[in-house]
Amino acid sequence: MKIIIISIIALMLTFSLVSALPYIPGPPPSPPGPPEGFPEMVDSDMDGVHDNFDNCPTSYNPSQRDADWDSIGDACDYNVLDNDWDDVANIYDNCPAMWNPNQIDWNGNGIGDVCDNEIPDYDGDGLNNDEDNCRFAFNPSQRDFNENGHGDMCDYNYNDLDWDQVNNNNDNCPEIWNPQQTEMC
């Protein structure tokens, strides 16, 4: 009888000790897998686009650019070349040999300004671009008050950061020179 009483007391003490312990939940259930018949969502190139929807699943290309609309992303499409690495395919680049992501074409002749030899004076101030201390702002006097090599018209301007004659408040790209406001930032 003593053994039964001792066993009951031991059982009660064990139960008291166990019930005094804080509750610790078990591990969460594993997340459900993809529905039957659907592959798992994987992003092999880690560009934020799952392989099932990625037009180039083996090369990082978050923009999913496809210049020739062949459903193969430009990052792995050998039909689309970009010789100057400005993110504009050669077939659409107005200056494929020189980096010009903004594709600025001041005179509208289809040749990017960085390649266009027809524009000797971008700002029309009567001085060739090579001699002009401020090529994109009209400054025929070439005044350079602080003698820093840049005309006063090109020195930092808080109202028009890119000196394209469009106030920052109205400029769609306030830090990229685009007077016609046709470029996207």
N, C-alpha and C. Protein backbone atom coordinates (compact mmCIF):
# COMPACT_ATOMS: atom_id res chain seq x y z
N MET A 1 0.82 -1.18 0.00
CA MET A 1 0.00 0.00 0.00
C MET A 1 0.87 1.26 0.00
N LYS A 2 1.98 1.18 0.72
CA LYS A 2 2.89 2.32 0.76
C LYS A 2 3.41 2.63 -0.65
N ILE A 3 3.64 1.63 -1.43
CA ILE A 3 4.17 1.84 -2.77
C ILE A 3 3.13 2.54 -3.65
N ILE A 4 1.89 2.21 -3.46
CA ILE A 4 0.83 2.83 -4.25
C ILE A 4 0.69 4.29 -3.86
N ILE A 5 0.75 4.58 -2.57
CA ILE A 5 0.62 5.98 -2.10
C ILE A 5 1.82 6.79 -2.60
N ILE A 6 3.00 6.22 -2.51
CA ILE A 6 4.21 6.93 -2.98
C ILE A 6 4.10 7.15 -4.49
N SER A 7 3.61 6.17 -5.20
CA SER A 7 3.45 6.31 -6.65
C SER A 7 2.44 7.40 -6.99
N ILE A 8 1.35 7.45 -6.22
CA ILE A 8 0.32 8.49 -6.47
C ILE A 8 0.89 9.86 -6.15
N ILE A 9 1.63 9.99 -5.05
CA ILE A 9 2.24 11.28 -4.69
C ILE A 9 3.25 11.70 -5.76
N ALA A 10 4.06 10.77 -6.24
CA ALA A 10 5.04 11.08 -7.28
C ALA A 10 4.34 11.51 -8.56
N LEU A 11 3.25 10.84 -8.88
CA LEU A 11 2.49 11.20 -10.07
C LEU A 11 1.89 12.59 -9.94
N MET A 12 1.37 12.91 -8.73
CA MET A 12 0.78 14.24 -8.51
C MET A 12 1.86 15.33 -8.56
N LEU A 13 3.03 15.05 -7.99
CA LEU A 13 4.12 16.03 -8.06
C LEU A 13 4.58 16.24 -9.50
N THR A 14 4.69 15.19 -10.26
CA THR A 14 5.08 15.29 -11.66
C THR A 14 4.05 16.10 -12.43
N PHE A 15 2.77 15.81 -12.19
CA PHE A 15 1.71 16.56 -12.86
C PHE A 15 1.76 18.04 -12.49
N SER A 16 2.02 18.35 -11.20
CA SER A 16 2.11 19.74 -10.74
C SER A 16 3.28 20.45 -11.40
N LEU A 17 4.40 19.76 -11.46
CA LEU A 17 5.58 20.37 -12.08
C LEU A 17 5.36 20.61 -13.58
N VAL A 18 4.79 19.67 -14.25
CA VAL A 18 4.55 19.79 -15.69
C VAL A 18 3.55 20.89 -15.97
N SER A 19 2.49 20.99 -15.14
CA SER A 19 1.51 22.04 -15.39
C SER A 19 2.04 23.42 -15.06
N ALA A 20 3.10 23.51 -14.26
CA ALA A 20 3.67 24.81 -13.91
C ALA A 20 4.60 25.32 -15.01
N LEU A 21 5.03 24.45 -15.89
CA LEU A 21 5.92 24.87 -16.98
C LEU A 21 5.17 25.74 -17.98
N PRO A 22 5.87 26.73 -18.57
CA PRO A 22 5.19 27.56 -19.58
C PRO A 22 4.88 26.73 -20.83
N TYR A 23 3.84 27.18 -21.53
CA TYR A 23 3.43 26.48 -22.75
C TYR A 23 4.39 26.85 -23.88
N ILE A 24 4.96 25.86 -24.51
CA ILE A 24 5.84 26.06 -25.65
C ILE A 24 5.19 25.36 -26.83
N PRO A 25 4.75 26.16 -27.81
CA PRO A 25 4.08 25.53 -28.94
C PRO A 25 5.06 24.70 -29.77
N GLY A 26 4.55 23.74 -30.47
CA GLY A 26 5.37 22.92 -31.34
C GLY A 26 5.73 23.69 -32.60
N PRO A 27 6.52 23.10 -33.46
CA PRO A 27 6.90 23.79 -34.70
C PRO A 27 5.67 24.02 -35.57
N PRO A 28 5.68 25.13 -36.33
CA PRO A 28 4.53 25.38 -37.20
C PRO A 28 4.45 24.32 -38.29
N PRO A 29 3.28 24.12 -38.81
CA PRO A 29 3.17 23.13 -39.89
C PRO A 29 3.90 23.65 -41.12
N SER A 30 4.42 22.77 -41.91
CA SER A 30 5.13 23.20 -43.11
C SER A 30 4.11 23.84 -44.07
N PRO A 31 4.57 24.88 -44.82
CA PRO A 31 3.63 25.55 -45.73
C PRO A 31 3.15 24.57 -46.79
N PRO A 32 1.94 24.80 -47.25
CA PRO A 32 1.43 23.88 -48.28
C PRO A 32 2.22 24.03 -49.56
N GLY A 33 2.38 22.97 -50.28
CA GLY A 33 3.08 23.00 -51.56
C GLY A 33 2.18 23.59 -52.63
N PRO A 34 2.69 23.67 -53.84
CA PRO A 34 1.86 24.20 -54.92
C PRO A 34 0.67 23.28 -55.18
N PRO A 35 -0.41 23.83 -55.71
CA PRO A 35 -1.57 22.99 -56.01
C PRO A 35 -1.19 21.87 -56.98
N GLU A 36 -1.96 20.83 -56.95
CA GLU A 36 -1.72 19.67 -57.81
C GLU A 36 -1.63 20.12 -59.27
N GLY A 37 -0.57 19.72 -59.95
CA GLY A 37 -0.40 20.04 -61.36
C GLY A 37 0.35 21.34 -61.62
N PHE A 38 0.67 22.13 -60.57
CA PHE A 38 1.41 23.38 -60.75
C PHE A 38 2.84 23.21 -60.26
N PRO A 39 3.82 23.69 -61.01
CA PRO A 39 5.20 23.56 -60.55
C PRO A 39 5.46 24.55 -59.40
N GLU A 40 6.49 24.28 -58.65
CA GLU A 40 6.85 25.16 -57.54
C GLU A 40 7.36 26.48 -58.10
N MET A 41 7.05 27.59 -57.42
CA MET A 41 7.47 28.92 -57.88
C MET A 41 8.94 29.11 -57.51
N VAL A 42 9.80 29.13 -58.50
CA VAL A 42 11.24 29.26 -58.31
C VAL A 42 11.70 30.49 -59.06
N ASP A 43 12.68 31.18 -58.52
CA ASP A 43 13.28 32.35 -59.18
C ASP A 43 14.78 32.09 -59.29
N SER A 44 15.19 31.35 -60.31
CA SER A 44 16.57 30.91 -60.45
C SER A 44 17.57 32.05 -60.53
N ASP A 45 17.23 33.13 -61.27
CA ASP A 45 18.17 34.24 -61.43
C ASP A 45 17.99 35.33 -60.39
N MET A 46 17.07 35.14 -59.45
CA MET A 46 16.83 36.05 -58.33
C MET A 46 16.58 37.49 -58.78
N ASP A 47 15.79 37.66 -59.84
CA ASP A 47 15.45 39.00 -60.33
C ASP A 47 14.06 39.43 -59.90
N GLY A 48 13.41 38.63 -59.05
CA GLY A 48 12.09 38.99 -58.56
C GLY A 48 10.95 38.50 -59.43
N VAL A 49 11.26 37.80 -60.51
CA VAL A 49 10.23 37.28 -61.41
C VAL A 49 10.38 35.76 -61.41
N HIS A 50 9.32 35.06 -61.02
CA HIS A 50 9.37 33.59 -60.96
C HIS A 50 9.64 33.01 -62.34
N ASP A 51 10.39 31.91 -62.34
CA ASP A 51 10.80 31.28 -63.60
C ASP A 51 9.63 31.04 -64.55
N ASN A 52 8.47 30.71 -64.00
CA ASN A 52 7.30 30.44 -64.85
C ASN A 52 6.89 31.66 -65.66
N PHE A 53 7.22 32.84 -65.18
CA PHE A 53 6.80 34.07 -65.85
C PHE A 53 7.98 34.87 -66.39
N ASP A 54 9.20 34.40 -66.16
CA ASP A 54 10.43 35.11 -66.53
C ASP A 54 10.76 34.83 -67.99
N ASN A 55 10.94 35.89 -68.80
CA ASN A 55 11.25 35.69 -70.21
C ASN A 55 12.73 35.35 -70.42
N CYS A 56 13.49 35.32 -69.34
CA CYS A 56 14.89 34.90 -69.39
C CYS A 56 15.24 34.39 -68.00
N PRO A 57 14.84 33.17 -67.65
CA PRO A 57 14.97 32.68 -66.28
C PRO A 57 16.39 32.42 -65.81
N THR A 58 17.36 32.43 -66.71
CA THR A 58 18.74 32.14 -66.30
C THR A 58 19.61 33.38 -66.18
N SER A 59 19.11 34.54 -66.58
CA SER A 59 19.88 35.78 -66.48
C SER A 59 19.07 36.84 -65.76
N TYR A 60 19.72 37.57 -64.86
CA TYR A 60 19.07 38.62 -64.07
C TYR A 60 18.53 39.69 -65.02
N ASN A 61 17.22 39.86 -65.05
CA ASN A 61 16.59 40.87 -65.90
C ASN A 61 15.26 41.30 -65.29
N PRO A 62 15.28 42.08 -64.19
CA PRO A 62 14.03 42.45 -63.54
C PRO A 62 13.10 43.26 -64.43
N SER A 63 13.63 43.98 -65.43
CA SER A 63 12.77 44.79 -66.30
C SER A 63 12.00 43.93 -67.30
N GLN A 64 12.48 42.70 -67.55
CA GLN A 64 11.85 41.80 -68.53
C GLN A 64 11.79 42.43 -69.92
N ARG A 65 12.77 43.29 -70.23
CA ARG A 65 12.80 43.95 -71.52
C ARG A 65 12.87 42.94 -72.66
N ASP A 66 12.12 43.19 -73.72
CA ASP A 66 12.08 42.32 -74.89
C ASP A 66 11.93 43.20 -76.12
N ALA A 67 13.03 43.77 -76.57
CA ALA A 67 13.01 44.78 -77.64
C ALA A 67 12.43 44.25 -78.95
N ASP A 68 12.65 43.00 -79.27
CA ASP A 68 12.14 42.51 -80.55
C ASP A 68 10.86 41.69 -80.40
N TRP A 69 10.24 41.72 -79.24
CA TRP A 69 8.94 41.10 -78.98
C TRP A 69 8.89 39.63 -79.37
N ASP A 70 9.97 38.90 -79.14
CA ASP A 70 9.97 37.48 -79.48
C ASP A 70 9.78 36.59 -78.26
N SER A 71 9.38 37.18 -77.13
CA SER A 71 9.14 36.48 -75.86
C SER A 71 10.41 35.95 -75.22
N ILE A 72 11.56 36.35 -75.73
CA ILE A 72 12.84 36.01 -75.11
C ILE A 72 13.42 37.32 -74.60
N GLY A 73 13.68 37.40 -73.30
CA GLY A 73 14.21 38.64 -72.72
C GLY A 73 15.52 39.05 -73.35
N ASP A 74 15.73 40.35 -73.47
CA ASP A 74 16.95 40.86 -74.09
C ASP A 74 18.22 40.34 -73.41
N ALA A 75 18.13 40.05 -72.12
CA ALA A 75 19.30 39.57 -71.39
C ALA A 75 19.82 38.24 -71.92
N CYS A 76 18.97 37.46 -72.59
CA CYS A 76 19.46 36.20 -73.17
C CYS A 76 19.08 36.06 -74.63
N ASP A 77 18.73 37.13 -75.29
CA ASP A 77 18.34 37.10 -76.69
C ASP A 77 19.53 37.52 -77.55
N TYR A 78 20.03 36.61 -78.33
CA TYR A 78 21.20 36.93 -79.16
C TYR A 78 20.83 37.72 -80.40
N ASN A 79 19.54 37.91 -80.65
CA ASN A 79 19.11 38.74 -81.78
C ASN A 79 19.15 40.22 -81.44
N VAL A 80 19.20 40.54 -80.16
CA VAL A 80 19.18 41.93 -79.73
C VAL A 80 20.56 42.29 -79.20
N LEU A 81 21.23 43.19 -79.87
CA LEU A 81 22.56 43.61 -79.44
C LEU A 81 22.49 45.03 -78.89
N ASP A 82 23.35 45.31 -77.95
CA ASP A 82 23.46 46.64 -77.37
C ASP A 82 24.95 46.94 -77.22
N ASN A 83 25.58 47.37 -78.31
CA ASN A 83 27.03 47.56 -78.33
C ASN A 83 27.55 48.55 -77.30
N ASP A 84 26.77 49.60 -77.01
CA ASP A 84 27.27 50.63 -76.10
C ASP A 84 26.79 50.45 -74.66
N TRP A 85 26.08 49.37 -74.38
CA TRP A 85 25.62 49.02 -73.04
C TRP A 85 24.81 50.13 -72.39
N ASP A 86 23.98 50.84 -73.17
CA ASP A 86 23.16 51.91 -72.59
C ASP A 86 21.72 51.46 -72.35
N ASP A 87 21.47 50.17 -72.47
CA ASP A 87 20.15 49.57 -72.25
C ASP A 87 19.16 49.93 -73.35
N VAL A 88 19.65 50.32 -74.50
CA VAL A 88 18.80 50.56 -75.67
C VAL A 88 19.37 49.68 -76.79
N ALA A 89 18.57 48.74 -77.28
CA ALA A 89 19.04 47.81 -78.31
C ALA A 89 19.50 48.58 -79.54
N ASN A 90 20.53 48.07 -80.20
CA ASN A 90 21.08 48.74 -81.39
C ASN A 90 20.01 49.11 -82.40
N ILE A 91 19.01 48.23 -82.58
CA ILE A 91 17.99 48.51 -83.60
C ILE A 91 17.15 49.73 -83.25
N TYR A 92 17.13 50.14 -81.97
CA TYR A 92 16.37 51.32 -81.56
C TYR A 92 17.27 52.47 -81.12
N ASP A 93 18.57 52.25 -81.05
CA ASP A 93 19.51 53.23 -80.53
C ASP A 93 19.88 54.24 -81.61
N ASN A 94 19.72 55.54 -81.31
CA ASN A 94 20.04 56.57 -82.30
C ASN A 94 21.54 56.86 -82.36
N CYS A 95 22.30 56.18 -81.52
CA CYS A 95 23.76 56.28 -81.55
C CYS A 95 24.30 54.99 -80.94
N PRO A 96 24.29 53.87 -81.68
CA PRO A 96 24.63 52.58 -81.10
C PRO A 96 26.09 52.40 -80.71
N ALA A 97 26.96 53.30 -81.13
CA ALA A 97 28.38 53.15 -80.80
C ALA A 97 28.80 53.93 -79.55
N MET A 98 27.93 54.82 -79.06
CA MET A 98 28.28 55.62 -77.88
C MET A 98 27.14 55.57 -76.86
N TRP A 99 27.51 55.48 -75.59
CA TRP A 99 26.55 55.38 -74.49
C TRP A 99 25.68 56.63 -74.45
N ASN A 100 24.39 56.48 -74.64
CA ASN A 100 23.44 57.60 -74.57
C ASN A 100 22.06 57.07 -74.20
N PRO A 101 21.86 56.70 -72.94
CA PRO A 101 20.58 56.11 -72.55
C PRO A 101 19.39 57.04 -72.74
N ASN A 102 19.61 58.36 -72.76
CA ASN A 102 18.50 59.30 -72.91
C ASN A 102 18.09 59.49 -74.36
N GLN A 103 18.94 59.08 -75.30
CA GLN A 103 18.61 59.16 -76.73
C GLN A 103 18.26 60.58 -77.18
N ILE A 104 18.93 61.57 -76.60
CA ILE A 104 18.63 62.97 -76.95
C ILE A 104 19.03 63.24 -78.39
N ASP A 105 18.12 63.83 -79.14
CA ASP A 105 18.33 64.16 -80.55
C ASP A 105 17.82 65.58 -80.76
N TRP A 106 18.66 66.55 -80.44
CA TRP A 106 18.29 67.97 -80.42
C TRP A 106 17.66 68.43 -81.73
N ASN A 107 18.24 68.06 -82.86
CA ASN A 107 17.71 68.56 -84.14
C ASN A 107 16.74 67.59 -84.80
N GLY A 108 16.44 66.46 -84.16
CA GLY A 108 15.43 65.55 -84.68
C GLY A 108 15.80 64.85 -85.97
N ASN A 109 17.10 64.67 -86.23
CA ASN A 109 17.51 64.03 -87.47
C ASN A 109 17.70 62.52 -87.34
N GLY A 110 17.36 61.96 -86.17
CA GLY A 110 17.47 60.52 -85.97
C GLY A 110 18.84 60.06 -85.51
N ILE A 111 19.78 60.98 -85.38
CA ILE A 111 21.12 60.66 -84.88
C ILE A 111 21.26 61.29 -83.51
N GLY A 112 21.63 60.48 -82.52
CA GLY A 112 21.79 61.00 -81.16
C GLY A 112 22.82 62.11 -81.11
N ASP A 113 22.59 63.08 -80.26
CA ASP A 113 23.48 64.24 -80.19
C ASP A 113 24.94 63.86 -79.90
N VAL A 114 25.17 62.78 -79.14
CA VAL A 114 26.54 62.41 -78.84
C VAL A 114 27.28 61.91 -80.07
N CYS A 115 26.57 61.56 -81.14
CA CYS A 115 27.19 61.11 -82.38
C CYS A 115 27.01 62.10 -83.53
N ASP A 116 26.22 63.11 -83.32
CA ASP A 116 25.82 64.01 -84.41
C ASP A 116 26.84 65.12 -84.62
N ASN A 117 27.52 65.06 -85.75
CA ASN A 117 28.49 66.11 -86.08
C ASN A 117 27.84 67.32 -86.72
N GLU A 118 26.53 67.22 -87.03
CA GLU A 118 25.83 68.33 -87.65
C GLU A 118 25.50 69.44 -86.66
N ILE A 119 25.59 69.15 -85.38
CA ILE A 119 25.22 70.16 -84.39
C ILE A 119 26.49 70.75 -83.80
N PRO A 120 27.01 71.80 -84.42
CA PRO A 120 28.22 72.41 -83.87
C PRO A 120 27.94 73.31 -82.67
N ASP A 121 26.67 73.72 -82.51
CA ASP A 121 26.32 74.67 -81.44
C ASP A 121 24.97 74.27 -80.84
N TYR A 122 24.99 73.40 -79.82
CA TYR A 122 23.74 72.90 -79.23
C TYR A 122 22.83 74.02 -78.74
N ASP A 123 23.39 75.02 -78.08
CA ASP A 123 22.55 76.03 -77.43
C ASP A 123 22.29 77.26 -78.31
N GLY A 124 22.86 77.30 -79.50
CA GLY A 124 22.59 78.39 -80.43
C GLY A 124 23.13 79.75 -79.98
N ASP A 125 24.22 79.75 -79.21
CA ASP A 125 24.76 81.03 -78.74
C ASP A 125 25.89 81.55 -79.62
N GLY A 126 26.13 80.86 -80.76
CA GLY A 126 27.13 81.34 -81.71
C GLY A 126 28.52 80.78 -81.46
N LEU A 127 28.71 79.95 -80.48
CA LEU A 127 30.01 79.35 -80.19
C LEU A 127 29.93 77.84 -80.42
N ASN A 128 30.96 77.30 -81.09
CA ASN A 128 30.98 75.85 -81.29
C ASN A 128 31.01 75.14 -79.95
N ASN A 129 30.44 73.96 -79.92
CA ASN A 129 30.40 73.20 -78.67
C ASN A 129 31.79 73.00 -78.08
N ASP A 130 32.80 72.82 -78.93
CA ASP A 130 34.16 72.60 -78.43
C ASP A 130 34.71 73.83 -77.70
N GLU A 131 34.25 75.02 -78.07
CA GLU A 131 34.75 76.25 -77.45
C GLU A 131 33.82 76.80 -76.37
N ASP A 132 32.62 76.27 -76.29
CA ASP A 132 31.59 76.78 -75.39
C ASP A 132 31.80 76.25 -73.97
N ASN A 133 31.85 77.15 -72.98
CA ASN A 133 32.05 76.72 -71.60
C ASN A 133 30.74 76.27 -70.94
N CYS A 134 29.68 76.30 -71.72
CA CYS A 134 28.38 75.83 -71.23
C CYS A 134 27.57 75.44 -72.46
N ARG A 135 27.78 74.21 -72.95
CA ARG A 135 27.25 73.79 -74.25
C ARG A 135 25.74 73.76 -74.37
N PHE A 136 25.01 73.53 -73.26
CA PHE A 136 23.57 73.35 -73.35
C PHE A 136 22.77 74.54 -72.83
N ALA A 137 23.42 75.65 -72.55
CA ALA A 137 22.70 76.84 -72.10
C ALA A 137 23.20 78.04 -72.89
N PHE A 138 22.28 78.84 -73.38
CA PHE A 138 22.61 80.02 -74.17
C PHE A 138 23.41 80.99 -73.31
N ASN A 139 24.69 81.20 -73.67
CA ASN A 139 25.56 82.11 -72.93
C ASN A 139 26.62 82.69 -73.86
N PRO A 140 26.22 83.57 -74.77
CA PRO A 140 27.18 84.11 -75.74
C PRO A 140 28.32 84.88 -75.07
N SER A 141 28.12 85.42 -73.88
CA SER A 141 29.19 86.18 -73.22
C SER A 141 30.25 85.26 -72.63
N GLN A 142 29.93 83.99 -72.40
CA GLN A 142 30.85 83.03 -71.80
C GLN A 142 31.34 83.48 -70.42
N ARG A 143 30.49 84.26 -69.74
CA ARG A 143 30.85 84.78 -68.42
C ARG A 143 31.07 83.62 -67.45
N ASP A 144 32.15 83.69 -66.71
CA ASP A 144 32.50 82.67 -65.73
C ASP A 144 33.00 83.39 -64.48
N PHE A 145 32.06 83.91 -63.69
CA PHE A 145 32.38 84.77 -62.55
C PHE A 145 33.33 84.08 -61.57
N ASN A 146 33.09 82.83 -61.25
CA ASN A 146 33.94 82.15 -60.27
C ASN A 146 35.15 81.46 -60.89
N GLU A 147 35.34 81.64 -62.19
CA GLU A 147 36.48 81.12 -62.94
C GLU A 147 36.73 79.62 -62.70
N ASN A 148 35.64 78.84 -62.74
CA ASN A 148 35.77 77.40 -62.53
C ASN A 148 35.79 76.62 -63.85
N GLY A 149 35.80 77.32 -64.97
CA GLY A 149 35.84 76.67 -66.27
C GLY A 149 34.47 76.37 -66.85
N HIS A 150 33.43 76.55 -66.06
CA HIS A 150 32.05 76.38 -66.52
C HIS A 150 31.39 77.73 -66.53
N GLY A 151 30.71 78.04 -67.61
CA GLY A 151 30.01 79.31 -67.68
C GLY A 151 29.02 79.47 -66.55
N ASP A 152 28.75 80.71 -66.18
CA ASP A 152 27.82 80.98 -65.08
C ASP A 152 26.46 80.32 -65.33
N MET A 153 26.07 80.20 -66.58
CA MET A 153 24.79 79.58 -66.90
C MET A 153 24.79 78.09 -66.57
N CYS A 154 25.97 77.47 -66.46
CA CYS A 154 26.05 76.04 -66.16
C CYS A 154 26.39 75.76 -64.70
N ASP A 155 26.71 76.77 -63.95
CA ASP A 155 26.96 76.54 -62.53
C ASP A 155 25.67 76.10 -61.87
N TYR A 156 25.79 75.48 -60.75
CA TYR A 156 24.65 74.86 -60.06
C TYR A 156 23.48 75.82 -59.95
N ASN A 157 22.33 75.37 -60.37
CA ASN A 157 21.12 76.17 -60.35
C ASN A 157 20.06 75.39 -59.59
N TYR A 158 19.61 75.90 -58.47
CA TYR A 158 18.66 75.18 -57.64
C TYR A 158 17.27 75.07 -58.28
N ASN A 159 16.91 75.97 -59.18
CA ASN A 159 15.59 75.94 -59.81
C ASN A 159 15.54 75.09 -61.07
N ASP A 160 16.70 74.88 -61.69
CA ASP A 160 16.77 74.07 -62.91
C ASP A 160 18.07 73.28 -62.87
N LEU A 161 18.06 72.16 -62.14
CA LEU A 161 19.28 71.39 -61.89
C LEU A 161 19.98 70.92 -63.16
N ASP A 162 19.22 70.59 -64.20
CA ASP A 162 19.84 70.05 -65.41
C ASP A 162 20.03 71.10 -66.51
N TRP A 163 19.69 72.33 -66.24
CA TRP A 163 19.87 73.46 -67.17
C TRP A 163 19.21 73.21 -68.52
N ASP A 164 18.03 72.64 -68.52
CA ASP A 164 17.35 72.40 -69.79
C ASP A 164 16.25 73.44 -70.03
N GLN A 165 16.28 74.53 -69.27
CA GLN A 165 15.34 75.63 -69.41
C GLN A 165 13.92 75.24 -68.96
N VAL A 166 13.79 74.14 -68.19
CA VAL A 166 12.50 73.73 -67.63
C VAL A 166 12.68 73.69 -66.12
N ASN A 167 11.89 74.49 -65.41
CA ASN A 167 12.00 74.56 -63.95
C ASN A 167 11.80 73.17 -63.34
N ASN A 168 12.56 72.89 -62.26
CA ASN A 168 12.48 71.56 -61.62
C ASN A 168 11.06 71.13 -61.32
N ASN A 169 10.19 72.06 -60.90
CA ASN A 169 8.82 71.72 -60.56
C ASN A 169 8.03 71.19 -61.76
N ASN A 170 8.41 71.60 -62.95
CA ASN A 170 7.70 71.20 -64.17
C ASN A 170 8.49 70.18 -65.00
N ASP A 171 9.70 69.84 -64.57
CA ASP A 171 10.58 68.97 -65.33
C ASP A 171 10.30 67.52 -64.99
N ASN A 172 10.05 66.68 -66.01
CA ASN A 172 9.77 65.27 -65.73
C ASN A 172 11.03 64.51 -65.33
N CYS A 173 12.20 65.03 -65.62
CA CYS A 173 13.48 64.45 -65.20
C CYS A 173 14.36 65.62 -64.75
N PRO A 174 14.21 66.11 -63.51
CA PRO A 174 14.89 67.33 -63.11
C PRO A 174 16.40 67.26 -63.07
N GLU A 175 16.99 66.06 -63.11
CA GLU A 175 18.45 65.97 -63.09
C GLU A 175 19.03 65.46 -64.39
N ILE A 176 18.19 65.30 -65.42
CA ILE A 176 18.65 64.85 -66.73
C ILE A 176 18.23 65.88 -67.77
N TRP A 177 19.18 66.40 -68.51
CA TRP A 177 18.92 67.44 -69.51
C TRP A 177 18.01 66.87 -70.59
N ASN A 178 16.80 67.40 -70.69
CA ASN A 178 15.86 66.99 -71.73
C ASN A 178 14.87 68.13 -71.96
N PRO A 179 15.26 69.13 -72.73
CA PRO A 179 14.42 70.31 -72.92
C PRO A 179 13.07 70.01 -73.56
N GLN A 180 12.99 68.94 -74.34
CA GLN A 180 11.71 68.63 -74.98
C GLN A 180 10.82 67.79 -74.08
N GLN A 181 11.33 67.37 -72.91
CA GLN A 181 10.56 66.58 -71.93
C GLN A 181 10.04 65.27 -72.52
N THR A 182 10.82 64.69 -73.42
CA THR A 182 10.39 63.43 -74.04
C THR A 182 11.05 62.22 -73.40
N GLU A 183 12.08 62.45 -72.57
CA GLU A 183 12.80 61.34 -71.95
C GLU A 183 12.08 60.87 -70.70
N MET A 184 12.29 59.60 -70.36
CA MET A 184 11.75 59.04 -69.12
C MET A 184 12.92 58.78 -68.19
N CYS A 185 12.74 59.07 -66.92
CA CYS A 185 13.82 58.86 -65.96
C CYS A 185 13.81 57.43 -65.47
